Amino acid sequence: MQRNVILLGPPGAGKGTQAQRLAARWGIPQVSTGDMLREARRQGTELGRRAQEYMDKGALVPDEVVFGLVEERLGRPDAREGVILDGFPRTIPQAEALDALLARMKREPVRVVAIEVPVEELLVRLGGRRSCPRDGASYHVKFTPPKVDNKCDQCGGPLVIREDDRPEAISKRLDEYHGKTAPLVDYYRRKSALRTVEGVGELEAILDRITRALA
């Protein structure tokens, strides 16, 4: 049976982590719009060149370019049994266009899981992240701390807080999610395509909840 899955949730809910684990468990690809854009740019495809023009200007890549990348990715052999969409769709118009695209490609409709995490937990997760500017290693002061406080395990360099993880940026990201992406929950609920799971606890336990919700 073909599985086309979307994981929804606010920043810090663990969508990317669970998408990777679910992809490995089911043997289907995790399709990230960011990865697709980077790959298209590296390969110098027509869509990649168009995307680069907008990104060079600091502008959002238009939906028609993103949809072209999604359609191309869904047409590859490894996506025949399904995909896990990561970071897409983000708005109701994108979701409506995705529904039409899947129907046109004669693929199964999406099934959606919303990962619910209390705001207090999200703030702990996002505010505690640290990264190494030299080698890109990531840490968390609570969950995955470095061996030496505020120093990278790999190179010994000082760790930094990314701009996205500063309090004002976290607040802005959560506001943007609730304004633009959270309405997708109601959209998919009306289509009877939505299940919700608690996103707090051990990673394997959360993954089990997601797979049960999708069963």
N, C-alpha and C. Protein backbone atom coordinates (compact mmCIF):
# COMPACT_ATOMS: atom_id res chain seq x y z
N MET A 1 0.84 -1.19 0.00
CA MET A 1 0.00 0.00 0.00
C MET A 1 0.88 1.24 0.00
N GLN A 2 0.55 2.20 -0.85
CA GLN A 2 1.33 3.43 -0.93
C GLN A 2 1.05 4.32 0.28
N ARG A 3 2.11 4.89 0.83
CA ARG A 3 1.98 5.76 1.99
C ARG A 3 2.52 7.14 1.64
N ASN A 4 1.65 8.13 1.62
CA ASN A 4 2.04 9.52 1.44
C ASN A 4 1.69 10.25 2.74
N VAL A 5 2.71 10.62 3.49
CA VAL A 5 2.52 11.07 4.87
C VAL A 5 3.03 12.49 5.06
N ILE A 6 2.29 13.26 5.84
CA ILE A 6 2.72 14.59 6.27
C ILE A 6 2.75 14.62 7.79
N LEU A 7 3.85 15.13 8.34
CA LEU A 7 3.93 15.36 9.78
C LEU A 7 3.80 16.86 10.03
N LEU A 8 2.84 17.24 10.85
CA LEU A 8 2.62 18.64 11.20
C LEU A 8 3.02 18.87 12.65
N GLY A 9 3.36 20.10 12.96
CA GLY A 9 3.68 20.46 14.33
C GLY A 9 4.50 21.73 14.35
N PRO A 10 4.53 22.42 15.47
CA PRO A 10 5.27 23.68 15.57
C PRO A 10 6.78 23.44 15.56
N PRO A 11 7.57 24.50 15.39
CA PRO A 11 9.03 24.36 15.51
C PRO A 11 9.38 23.73 16.86
N GLY A 12 10.28 22.75 16.83
CA GLY A 12 10.67 22.08 18.06
C GLY A 12 9.85 20.86 18.39
N ALA A 13 8.83 20.54 17.58
CA ALA A 13 7.98 19.38 17.87
C ALA A 13 8.67 18.06 17.52
N GLY A 14 9.74 18.12 16.74
CA GLY A 14 10.46 16.89 16.40
C GLY A 14 10.03 16.29 15.08
N LYS A 15 9.46 17.10 14.19
CA LYS A 15 8.98 16.56 12.91
C LYS A 15 10.10 15.95 12.09
N GLY A 16 11.21 16.70 11.97
CA GLY A 16 12.32 16.20 11.15
C GLY A 16 12.90 14.92 11.69
N THR A 17 13.08 14.87 13.00
CA THR A 17 13.63 13.66 13.63
C THR A 17 12.72 12.46 13.40
N GLN A 18 11.44 12.64 13.61
CA GLN A 18 10.51 11.52 13.46
C GLN A 18 10.32 11.16 11.99
N ALA A 19 10.40 12.14 11.09
CA ALA A 19 10.31 11.84 9.66
C ALA A 19 11.46 10.93 9.24
N GLN A 20 12.66 11.21 9.74
CA GLN A 20 13.82 10.37 9.42
C GLN A 20 13.62 8.95 9.95
N ARG A 21 13.15 8.84 11.17
CA ARG A 21 12.98 7.52 11.79
C ARG A 21 11.86 6.74 11.10
N LEU A 22 10.78 7.44 10.74
CA LEU A 22 9.67 6.77 10.06
C LEU A 22 10.10 6.31 8.67
N ALA A 23 10.88 7.14 7.98
CA ALA A 23 11.38 6.78 6.65
C ALA A 23 12.24 5.52 6.74
N ALA A 24 13.09 5.44 7.75
CA ALA A 24 13.94 4.27 7.92
C ALA A 24 13.12 3.03 8.26
N ARG A 25 12.10 3.19 9.08
CA ARG A 25 11.28 2.04 9.47
C ARG A 25 10.49 1.49 8.30
N TRP A 26 9.98 2.37 7.46
CA TRP A 26 9.12 1.94 6.35
C TRP A 26 9.86 1.76 5.03
N GLY A 27 11.09 2.25 4.95
CA GLY A 27 11.84 2.11 3.71
C GLY A 27 11.34 2.99 2.58
N ILE A 28 10.84 4.18 2.94
CA ILE A 28 10.42 5.14 1.92
C ILE A 28 11.16 6.46 2.18
N PRO A 29 11.32 7.31 1.17
CA PRO A 29 12.15 8.51 1.36
C PRO A 29 11.46 9.61 2.15
N GLN A 30 12.29 10.34 2.88
CA GLN A 30 11.87 11.58 3.51
C GLN A 30 12.12 12.69 2.50
N VAL A 31 11.09 13.41 2.13
CA VAL A 31 11.20 14.44 1.09
C VAL A 31 11.15 15.81 1.75
N SER A 32 12.28 16.45 1.80
CA SER A 32 12.39 17.78 2.39
C SER A 32 12.51 18.82 1.28
N THR A 33 11.70 19.86 1.36
CA THR A 33 11.78 20.91 0.33
C THR A 33 13.15 21.57 0.34
N GLY A 34 13.73 21.74 1.52
CA GLY A 34 15.07 22.32 1.59
C GLY A 34 16.09 21.47 0.87
N ASP A 35 16.04 20.15 1.09
CA ASP A 35 16.97 19.25 0.42
C ASP A 35 16.76 19.28 -1.09
N MET A 36 15.50 19.32 -1.53
CA MET A 36 15.22 19.35 -2.96
C MET A 36 15.76 20.62 -3.61
N LEU A 37 15.60 21.74 -2.92
CA LEU A 37 16.11 23.00 -3.46
C LEU A 37 17.63 22.97 -3.58
N ARG A 38 18.29 22.46 -2.54
CA ARG A 38 19.75 22.41 -2.57
C ARG A 38 20.25 21.47 -3.68
N GLU A 39 19.57 20.33 -3.83
CA GLU A 39 19.98 19.38 -4.86
C GLU A 39 19.78 19.96 -6.25
N ALA A 40 18.64 20.62 -6.47
CA ALA A 40 18.37 21.22 -7.78
C ALA A 40 19.39 22.30 -8.11
N ARG A 41 19.81 23.06 -7.10
CA ARG A 41 20.83 24.08 -7.32
C ARG A 41 22.17 23.44 -7.67
N ARG A 42 22.53 22.37 -6.95
CA ARG A 42 23.80 21.69 -7.23
C ARG A 42 23.83 21.13 -8.65
N GLN A 43 22.70 20.54 -9.06
CA GLN A 43 22.64 19.91 -10.37
C GLN A 43 22.46 20.92 -11.51
N GLY A 44 22.10 22.15 -11.16
CA GLY A 44 21.93 23.17 -12.18
C GLY A 44 20.74 22.94 -13.09
N THR A 45 19.68 22.33 -12.55
CA THR A 45 18.49 22.09 -13.36
C THR A 45 17.76 23.41 -13.60
N GLU A 46 16.80 23.38 -14.53
CA GLU A 46 16.03 24.58 -14.82
C GLU A 46 15.31 25.07 -13.57
N LEU A 47 14.68 24.14 -12.85
CA LEU A 47 13.99 24.53 -11.61
C LEU A 47 14.99 25.03 -10.59
N GLY A 48 16.16 24.41 -10.56
CA GLY A 48 17.19 24.85 -9.62
C GLY A 48 17.66 26.27 -9.92
N ARG A 49 17.83 26.59 -11.19
CA ARG A 49 18.25 27.94 -11.58
C ARG A 49 17.17 28.97 -11.23
N ARG A 50 15.91 28.59 -11.46
CA ARG A 50 14.82 29.51 -11.13
C ARG A 50 14.77 29.75 -9.62
N ALA A 51 14.93 28.67 -8.84
CA ALA A 51 14.91 28.80 -7.39
C ALA A 51 16.07 29.68 -6.92
N GLN A 52 17.25 29.49 -7.53
CA GLN A 52 18.43 30.26 -7.14
C GLN A 52 18.22 31.75 -7.33
N GLU A 53 17.53 32.13 -8.41
CA GLU A 53 17.29 33.54 -8.67
C GLU A 53 16.54 34.20 -7.52
N TYR A 54 15.52 33.51 -7.01
CA TYR A 54 14.74 34.06 -5.90
C TYR A 54 15.55 34.05 -4.60
N MET A 55 16.28 32.96 -4.37
CA MET A 55 17.04 32.84 -3.13
C MET A 55 18.16 33.88 -3.07
N ASP A 56 18.76 34.18 -4.22
CA ASP A 56 19.82 35.19 -4.26
C ASP A 56 19.28 36.57 -3.88
N LYS A 57 17.99 36.79 -4.16
CA LYS A 57 17.36 38.07 -3.81
C LYS A 57 16.82 38.08 -2.38
N GLY A 58 16.92 36.93 -1.72
CA GLY A 58 16.35 36.83 -0.38
C GLY A 58 14.85 36.70 -0.39
N ALA A 59 14.29 36.31 -1.54
CA ALA A 59 12.83 36.18 -1.69
C ALA A 59 12.41 34.72 -1.54
N LEU A 60 11.14 34.51 -1.20
CA LEU A 60 10.61 33.16 -1.11
C LEU A 60 10.53 32.54 -2.51
N VAL A 61 10.86 31.25 -2.58
CA VAL A 61 10.74 30.54 -3.85
C VAL A 61 9.25 30.34 -4.13
N PRO A 62 8.75 30.72 -5.31
CA PRO A 62 7.32 30.62 -5.61
C PRO A 62 6.81 29.18 -5.54
N ASP A 63 5.52 29.05 -5.24
CA ASP A 63 4.92 27.73 -5.11
C ASP A 63 5.08 26.90 -6.38
N GLU A 64 4.98 27.54 -7.57
CA GLU A 64 5.04 26.74 -8.79
C GLU A 64 6.41 26.07 -8.96
N VAL A 65 7.47 26.74 -8.47
CA VAL A 65 8.81 26.13 -8.54
C VAL A 65 8.91 24.98 -7.54
N VAL A 66 8.43 25.21 -6.33
CA VAL A 66 8.46 24.16 -5.31
C VAL A 66 7.64 22.95 -5.77
N PHE A 67 6.46 23.20 -6.35
CA PHE A 67 5.63 22.10 -6.81
C PHE A 67 6.29 21.32 -7.95
N GLY A 68 7.02 22.04 -8.79
CA GLY A 68 7.76 21.34 -9.84
C GLY A 68 8.78 20.39 -9.25
N LEU A 69 9.47 20.82 -8.19
CA LEU A 69 10.44 19.96 -7.52
C LEU A 69 9.76 18.78 -6.84
N VAL A 70 8.61 19.04 -6.19
CA VAL A 70 7.88 17.95 -5.52
C VAL A 70 7.41 16.92 -6.54
N GLU A 71 6.84 17.39 -7.66
CA GLU A 71 6.35 16.46 -8.68
C GLU A 71 7.49 15.63 -9.25
N GLU A 72 8.63 16.27 -9.50
CA GLU A 72 9.78 15.54 -10.03
C GLU A 72 10.25 14.48 -9.03
N ARG A 73 10.27 14.85 -7.74
CA ARG A 73 10.74 13.92 -6.70
C ARG A 73 9.78 12.75 -6.54
N LEU A 74 8.49 13.01 -6.60
CA LEU A 74 7.51 11.93 -6.44
C LEU A 74 7.55 10.96 -7.62
N GLY A 75 8.09 11.41 -8.75
CA GLY A 75 8.16 10.55 -9.91
C GLY A 75 9.34 9.60 -9.93
N ARG A 76 10.23 9.69 -8.95
CA ARG A 76 11.39 8.80 -8.92
C ARG A 76 11.01 7.41 -8.41
N PRO A 77 11.77 6.39 -8.83
CA PRO A 77 11.44 5.01 -8.45
C PRO A 77 11.38 4.76 -6.95
N ASP A 78 12.27 5.42 -6.17
CA ASP A 78 12.29 5.13 -4.74
C ASP A 78 11.08 5.69 -4.01
N ALA A 79 10.29 6.55 -4.69
CA ALA A 79 9.09 7.13 -4.06
C ALA A 79 7.82 6.40 -4.47
N ARG A 80 7.98 5.29 -5.20
CA ARG A 80 6.80 4.60 -5.72
C ARG A 80 5.90 4.08 -4.60
N GLU A 81 6.51 3.64 -3.49
CA GLU A 81 5.72 3.09 -2.39
C GLU A 81 5.27 4.15 -1.39
N GLY A 82 5.69 5.39 -1.62
CA GLY A 82 5.25 6.46 -0.73
C GLY A 82 6.39 7.39 -0.35
N VAL A 83 6.03 8.48 0.33
CA VAL A 83 7.00 9.48 0.79
C VAL A 83 6.54 10.05 2.12
N ILE A 84 7.50 10.63 2.84
CA ILE A 84 7.18 11.39 4.03
C ILE A 84 7.58 12.83 3.74
N LEU A 85 6.61 13.72 3.67
CA LEU A 85 6.86 15.12 3.32
C LEU A 85 7.26 15.89 4.57
N ASP A 86 8.41 16.55 4.47
CA ASP A 86 8.98 17.26 5.60
C ASP A 86 9.07 18.75 5.25
N GLY A 87 8.32 19.58 5.97
CA GLY A 87 8.36 21.02 5.72
C GLY A 87 7.46 21.50 4.60
N PHE A 88 6.54 20.63 4.19
CA PHE A 88 5.64 20.98 3.09
C PHE A 88 4.42 20.07 3.17
N PRO A 89 3.22 20.62 2.97
CA PRO A 89 2.87 22.02 2.71
C PRO A 89 2.90 22.85 4.00
N ARG A 90 2.93 24.17 3.81
CA ARG A 90 2.94 25.09 4.94
C ARG A 90 1.68 25.94 5.02
N THR A 91 0.93 25.99 3.94
CA THR A 91 -0.28 26.81 3.91
C THR A 91 -1.42 26.00 3.29
N ILE A 92 -2.66 26.46 3.49
CA ILE A 92 -3.81 25.77 2.92
C ILE A 92 -3.76 25.78 1.39
N PRO A 93 -3.43 26.90 0.72
CA PRO A 93 -3.32 26.84 -0.74
C PRO A 93 -2.31 25.79 -1.22
N GLN A 94 -1.19 25.65 -0.51
CA GLN A 94 -0.22 24.62 -0.87
C GLN A 94 -0.82 23.22 -0.67
N ALA A 95 -1.58 23.05 0.41
CA ALA A 95 -2.19 21.75 0.67
C ALA A 95 -3.21 21.40 -0.41
N GLU A 96 -4.00 22.38 -0.81
CA GLU A 96 -4.99 22.15 -1.87
C GLU A 96 -4.30 21.78 -3.18
N ALA A 97 -3.22 22.48 -3.50
CA ALA A 97 -2.49 22.18 -4.73
C ALA A 97 -1.84 20.80 -4.64
N LEU A 98 -1.35 20.42 -3.46
CA LEU A 98 -0.76 19.10 -3.29
C LEU A 98 -1.80 18.01 -3.50
N ASP A 99 -3.00 18.21 -2.97
CA ASP A 99 -4.08 17.24 -3.19
C ASP A 99 -4.32 17.04 -4.68
N ALA A 100 -4.36 18.16 -5.41
CA ALA A 100 -4.60 18.08 -6.85
C ALA A 100 -3.44 17.39 -7.57
N LEU A 101 -2.22 17.66 -7.12
CA LEU A 101 -1.05 17.03 -7.73
C LEU A 101 -1.07 15.52 -7.53
N LEU A 102 -1.36 15.08 -6.32
CA LEU A 102 -1.40 13.64 -6.05
C LEU A 102 -2.49 12.96 -6.87
N ALA A 103 -3.63 13.61 -7.00
CA ALA A 103 -4.71 13.04 -7.80
C ALA A 103 -4.29 12.94 -9.26
N ARG A 104 -3.63 13.98 -9.75
CA ARG A 104 -3.18 13.99 -11.14
C ARG A 104 -2.14 12.89 -11.40
N MET A 105 -1.30 12.62 -10.38
CA MET A 105 -0.28 11.58 -10.52
C MET A 105 -0.82 10.19 -10.18
N LYS A 106 -2.13 10.14 -9.84
CA LYS A 106 -2.78 8.88 -9.47
C LYS A 106 -2.09 8.23 -8.26
N ARG A 107 -1.75 9.06 -7.30
CA ARG A 107 -1.17 8.59 -6.05
C ARG A 107 -2.23 8.63 -4.95
N GLU A 108 -1.99 7.87 -3.89
CA GLU A 108 -2.90 7.85 -2.76
C GLU A 108 -2.93 9.23 -2.08
N PRO A 109 -4.08 9.64 -1.52
CA PRO A 109 -4.13 10.91 -0.78
C PRO A 109 -3.21 10.87 0.44
N VAL A 110 -2.87 12.05 0.93
CA VAL A 110 -1.99 12.10 2.09
C VAL A 110 -2.72 11.67 3.35
N ARG A 111 -1.93 11.14 4.28
CA ARG A 111 -2.38 10.91 5.65
C ARG A 111 -1.50 11.77 6.53
N VAL A 112 -2.12 12.40 7.52
CA VAL A 112 -1.45 13.46 8.27
C VAL A 112 -1.45 13.16 9.75
N VAL A 113 -0.30 13.39 10.37
CA VAL A 113 -0.18 13.27 11.83
C VAL A 113 0.29 14.61 12.38
N ALA A 114 -0.47 15.16 13.31
CA ALA A 114 -0.07 16.39 14.01
C ALA A 114 0.59 16.00 15.33
N ILE A 115 1.83 16.44 15.51
CA ILE A 115 2.57 16.15 16.73
C ILE A 115 2.34 17.31 17.70
N GLU A 116 1.73 17.01 18.83
CA GLU A 116 1.36 18.05 19.79
C GLU A 116 2.35 18.09 20.95
N VAL A 117 2.89 19.27 21.22
CA VAL A 117 3.87 19.48 22.29
C VAL A 117 3.50 20.77 23.01
N PRO A 118 3.45 20.76 24.35
CA PRO A 118 3.14 21.99 25.09
C PRO A 118 4.15 23.10 24.78
N VAL A 119 3.67 24.34 24.82
CA VAL A 119 4.54 25.48 24.51
C VAL A 119 5.75 25.52 25.44
N GLU A 120 5.56 25.20 26.72
CA GLU A 120 6.67 25.25 27.66
C GLU A 120 7.78 24.30 27.24
N GLU A 121 7.41 23.13 26.74
CA GLU A 121 8.39 22.14 26.28
C GLU A 121 9.08 22.63 25.00
N LEU A 122 8.32 23.25 24.11
CA LEU A 122 8.92 23.78 22.88
C LEU A 122 9.99 24.82 23.20
N LEU A 123 9.71 25.68 24.17
CA LEU A 123 10.66 26.72 24.53
C LEU A 123 11.95 26.12 25.10
N VAL A 124 11.80 25.05 25.89
CA VAL A 124 12.99 24.36 26.42
C VAL A 124 13.79 23.74 25.29
N ARG A 125 13.11 23.08 24.37
CA ARG A 125 13.80 22.41 23.26
C ARG A 125 14.52 23.41 22.37
N LEU A 126 13.83 24.46 21.98
CA LEU A 126 14.41 25.41 21.04
C LEU A 126 15.46 26.30 21.71
N GLY A 127 15.19 26.74 22.92
CA GLY A 127 16.11 27.65 23.59
C GLY A 127 17.38 27.00 24.08
N GLY A 128 17.40 25.66 24.18
CA GLY A 128 18.58 24.97 24.69
C GLY A 128 19.52 24.47 23.61
N ARG A 129 19.19 24.72 22.35
CA ARG A 129 20.04 24.22 21.27
C ARG A 129 21.32 25.05 21.13
N ARG A 130 22.43 24.36 20.87
CA ARG A 130 23.71 25.01 20.63
C ARG A 130 24.36 24.35 19.41
N SER A 131 25.16 25.10 18.69
CA SER A 131 25.81 24.53 17.50
C SER A 131 27.24 25.03 17.39
N CYS A 132 28.04 24.26 16.66
CA CYS A 132 29.43 24.62 16.43
C CYS A 132 29.55 25.27 15.05
N PRO A 133 29.99 26.52 14.98
CA PRO A 133 30.10 27.18 13.68
C PRO A 133 31.20 26.61 12.79
N ARG A 134 32.12 25.85 13.38
CA ARG A 134 33.22 25.29 12.59
C ARG A 134 32.80 24.04 11.82
N ASP A 135 32.20 23.09 12.53
CA ASP A 135 31.90 21.79 11.88
C ASP A 135 30.41 21.47 11.82
N GLY A 136 29.55 22.36 12.33
CA GLY A 136 28.11 22.15 12.22
C GLY A 136 27.52 21.20 13.23
N ALA A 137 28.31 20.71 14.18
CA ALA A 137 27.79 19.78 15.19
C ALA A 137 26.73 20.47 16.04
N SER A 138 25.71 19.70 16.43
CA SER A 138 24.59 20.26 17.20
C SER A 138 24.52 19.62 18.58
N TYR A 139 24.12 20.41 19.55
CA TYR A 139 23.99 19.93 20.94
C TYR A 139 22.74 20.56 21.56
N HIS A 140 22.42 20.06 22.75
CA HIS A 140 21.34 20.66 23.54
C HIS A 140 21.78 20.64 24.99
N VAL A 141 21.62 21.77 25.67
CA VAL A 141 22.13 21.87 27.03
C VAL A 141 21.47 20.88 27.99
N LYS A 142 20.27 20.42 27.66
CA LYS A 142 19.56 19.48 28.53
C LYS A 142 19.61 18.05 28.00
N PHE A 143 19.34 17.88 26.71
CA PHE A 143 19.16 16.54 26.17
C PHE A 143 20.45 15.91 25.62
N THR A 144 21.28 16.70 24.95
CA THR A 144 22.53 16.18 24.39
C THR A 144 23.65 17.18 24.64
N PRO A 145 24.04 17.37 25.90
CA PRO A 145 25.06 18.38 26.21
C PRO A 145 26.45 17.94 25.75
N PRO A 146 27.34 18.90 25.47
CA PRO A 146 28.72 18.55 25.13
C PRO A 146 29.45 18.03 26.37
N LYS A 147 30.56 17.33 26.14
CA LYS A 147 31.31 16.78 27.26
C LYS A 147 31.88 17.88 28.15
N VAL A 148 32.33 18.95 27.51
CA VAL A 148 32.82 20.13 28.24
C VAL A 148 31.84 21.28 27.97
N ASP A 149 31.41 21.93 29.04
CA ASP A 149 30.39 22.97 28.91
C ASP A 149 30.75 24.00 27.85
N ASN A 150 29.81 24.17 26.89
CA ASN A 150 29.91 25.19 25.84
C ASN A 150 31.10 25.01 24.89
N LYS A 151 31.62 23.76 24.79
CA LYS A 151 32.69 23.49 23.84
C LYS A 151 32.34 22.28 22.98
N CYS A 152 32.67 22.36 21.70
CA CYS A 152 32.35 21.28 20.76
C CYS A 152 33.17 20.04 21.07
N ASP A 153 32.52 18.89 21.10
CA ASP A 153 33.22 17.62 21.34
C ASP A 153 34.22 17.31 20.24
N GLN A 154 33.93 17.75 19.01
CA GLN A 154 34.75 17.36 17.87
C GLN A 154 35.98 18.24 17.70
N CYS A 155 35.79 19.56 17.80
CA CYS A 155 36.93 20.45 17.53
C CYS A 155 37.36 21.28 18.73
N GLY A 156 36.58 21.26 19.79
CA GLY A 156 36.93 22.02 20.99
C GLY A 156 36.60 23.50 20.91
N GLY A 157 36.02 23.92 19.78
CA GLY A 157 35.67 25.32 19.61
C GLY A 157 34.45 25.72 20.41
N PRO A 158 34.24 27.03 20.59
CA PRO A 158 33.07 27.49 21.36
C PRO A 158 31.77 27.27 20.61
N LEU A 159 30.74 26.91 21.35
CA LEU A 159 29.42 26.72 20.76
C LEU A 159 28.67 28.04 20.76
N VAL A 160 27.72 28.16 19.84
CA VAL A 160 26.95 29.41 19.71
C VAL A 160 25.46 29.08 19.69
N ILE A 161 24.68 30.10 19.96
CA ILE A 161 23.22 30.01 19.82
C ILE A 161 22.87 30.57 18.45
N ARG A 162 22.23 29.77 17.61
CA ARG A 162 21.82 30.25 16.30
C ARG A 162 20.81 31.39 16.46
N GLU A 163 20.80 32.28 15.47
CA GLU A 163 19.86 33.39 15.53
C GLU A 163 18.42 32.89 15.63
N ASP A 164 18.11 31.77 14.95
CA ASP A 164 16.76 31.20 14.99
C ASP A 164 16.36 30.72 16.38
N ASP A 165 17.35 30.47 17.24
CA ASP A 165 17.07 29.91 18.55
C ASP A 165 17.12 30.93 19.68
N ARG A 166 17.24 32.20 19.32
CA ARG A 166 17.18 33.25 20.35
C ARG A 166 15.71 33.54 20.69
N PRO A 167 15.44 33.99 21.92
CA PRO A 167 14.04 34.13 22.39
C PRO A 167 13.14 34.90 21.44
N GLU A 168 13.62 36.02 20.90
CA GLU A 168 12.77 36.82 20.03
C GLU A 168 12.47 36.08 18.72
N ALA A 169 13.46 35.33 18.24
CA ALA A 169 13.26 34.57 17.00
C ALA A 169 12.33 33.39 17.23
N ILE A 170 12.45 32.74 18.39
CA ILE A 170 11.56 31.62 18.72
C ILE A 170 10.12 32.10 18.76
N SER A 171 9.89 33.23 19.42
CA SER A 171 8.54 33.79 19.51
C SER A 171 7.98 34.08 18.12
N LYS A 172 8.81 34.63 17.25
CA LYS A 172 8.37 34.95 15.90
C LYS A 172 8.06 33.68 15.11
N ARG A 173 8.88 32.65 15.26
CA ARG A 173 8.66 31.38 14.54
C ARG A 173 7.36 30.72 14.99
N LEU A 174 7.09 30.75 16.30
CA LEU A 174 5.87 30.14 16.80
C LEU A 174 4.64 30.93 16.33
N ASP A 175 4.75 32.27 16.33
CA ASP A 175 3.64 33.09 15.84
C ASP A 175 3.37 32.81 14.36
N GLU A 176 4.44 32.67 13.58
CA GLU A 176 4.28 32.40 12.15
C GLU A 176 3.63 31.04 11.93
N TYR A 177 4.04 30.06 12.74
CA TYR A 177 3.43 28.74 12.62
C TYR A 177 1.94 28.80 12.90
N HIS A 178 1.57 29.43 13.99
CA HIS A 178 0.16 29.48 14.37
C HIS A 178 -0.66 30.30 13.38
N GLY A 179 -0.03 31.27 12.74
CA GLY A 179 -0.76 32.09 11.79
C GLY A 179 -0.95 31.44 10.44
N LYS A 180 0.07 30.70 9.97
CA LYS A 180 0.04 30.17 8.61
C LYS A 180 -0.14 28.66 8.53
N THR A 181 0.55 27.93 9.39
CA THR A 181 0.60 26.48 9.24
C THR A 181 -0.41 25.75 10.11
N ALA A 182 -0.67 26.26 11.31
CA ALA A 182 -1.63 25.59 12.19
C ALA A 182 -3.01 25.39 11.55
N PRO A 183 -3.50 26.32 10.70
CA PRO A 183 -4.80 26.08 10.06
C PRO A 183 -4.85 24.81 9.22
N LEU A 184 -3.68 24.26 8.85
CA LEU A 184 -3.66 23.00 8.11
C LEU A 184 -4.26 21.87 8.95
N VAL A 185 -4.12 21.97 10.26
CA VAL A 185 -4.70 20.94 11.13
C VAL A 185 -6.21 20.86 10.90
N ASP A 186 -6.88 22.01 10.89
CA ASP A 186 -8.32 22.03 10.66
C ASP A 186 -8.65 21.58 9.23
N TYR A 187 -7.82 21.98 8.29
CA TYR A 187 -8.05 21.58 6.88
C TYR A 187 -8.05 20.07 6.74
N TYR A 188 -7.05 19.42 7.29
CA TYR A 188 -6.97 17.96 7.14
C TYR A 188 -7.95 17.24 8.06
N ARG A 189 -8.32 17.88 9.17
CA ARG A 189 -9.34 17.27 10.03
C ARG A 189 -10.68 17.22 9.30
N ARG A 190 -10.99 18.28 8.58
CA ARG A 190 -12.25 18.31 7.83
C ARG A 190 -12.26 17.25 6.73
N LYS A 191 -11.09 16.90 6.23
CA LYS A 191 -10.99 15.88 5.20
C LYS A 191 -10.85 14.46 5.78
N SER A 192 -10.94 14.37 7.12
CA SER A 192 -10.80 13.08 7.83
C SER A 192 -9.46 12.41 7.54
N ALA A 193 -8.43 13.23 7.32
CA ALA A 193 -7.10 12.70 7.02
C ALA A 193 -6.14 12.87 8.19
N LEU A 194 -6.63 13.44 9.31
CA LEU A 194 -5.74 13.85 10.40
C LEU A 194 -5.83 12.94 11.62
N ARG A 195 -4.66 12.63 12.20
CA ARG A 195 -4.57 12.02 13.51
C ARG A 195 -3.62 12.87 14.35
N THR A 196 -3.79 12.87 15.65
CA THR A 196 -2.89 13.62 16.52
C THR A 196 -2.20 12.67 17.49
N VAL A 197 -0.95 13.00 17.82
CA VAL A 197 -0.20 12.22 18.80
C VAL A 197 0.52 13.16 19.75
N GLU A 198 0.80 12.67 20.94
CA GLU A 198 1.59 13.43 21.90
C GLU A 198 3.06 13.33 21.52
N GLY A 199 3.73 14.49 21.46
CA GLY A 199 5.13 14.51 21.03
C GLY A 199 6.13 14.63 22.15
N VAL A 200 5.75 14.20 23.36
CA VAL A 200 6.64 14.26 24.52
C VAL A 200 6.97 12.85 24.97
N GLY A 201 8.24 12.61 25.29
CA GLY A 201 8.65 11.28 25.74
C GLY A 201 9.84 10.77 24.95
N GLU A 202 10.12 9.47 25.09
CA GLU A 202 11.23 8.86 24.36
C GLU A 202 10.94 8.86 22.87
N LEU A 203 11.99 9.03 22.07
CA LEU A 203 11.83 9.11 20.62
C LEU A 203 11.14 7.87 20.06
N GLU A 204 11.52 6.70 20.55
CA GLU A 204 10.94 5.47 20.03
C GLU A 204 9.46 5.37 20.39
N ALA A 205 9.10 5.84 21.57
CA ALA A 205 7.69 5.82 21.98
C ALA A 205 6.86 6.75 21.11
N ILE A 206 7.41 7.92 20.78
CA ILE A 206 6.70 8.85 19.91
C ILE A 206 6.54 8.25 18.52
N LEU A 207 7.60 7.60 18.02
CA LEU A 207 7.52 6.96 16.71
C LEU A 207 6.46 5.87 16.69
N ASP A 208 6.35 5.10 17.76
CA ASP A 208 5.31 4.07 17.85
C ASP A 208 3.92 4.69 17.80
N ARG A 209 3.75 5.83 18.48
CA ARG A 209 2.45 6.49 18.45
C ARG A 209 2.10 6.92 17.02
N ILE A 210 3.10 7.43 16.31
CA ILE A 210 2.87 7.90 14.94
C ILE A 210 2.49 6.73 14.03
N THR A 211 3.21 5.63 14.12
CA THR A 211 2.92 4.49 13.26
C THR A 211 1.57 3.90 13.58
N ARG A 212 1.18 3.89 14.85
CA ARG A 212 -0.15 3.40 15.22
C ARG A 212 -1.23 4.33 14.66
N ALA A 213 -0.97 5.62 14.73
CA ALA A 213 -1.94 6.59 14.21
C ALA A 213 -2.14 6.44 12.71
N LEU A 214 -1.09 6.01 12.01
CA LEU A 214 -1.16 5.87 10.57
C LEU A 214 -1.62 4.48 10.13
N ALA A 215 -1.76 3.57 11.07
CA ALA A 215 -2.13 2.18 10.72
C ALA A 215 -3.55 2.14 10.13
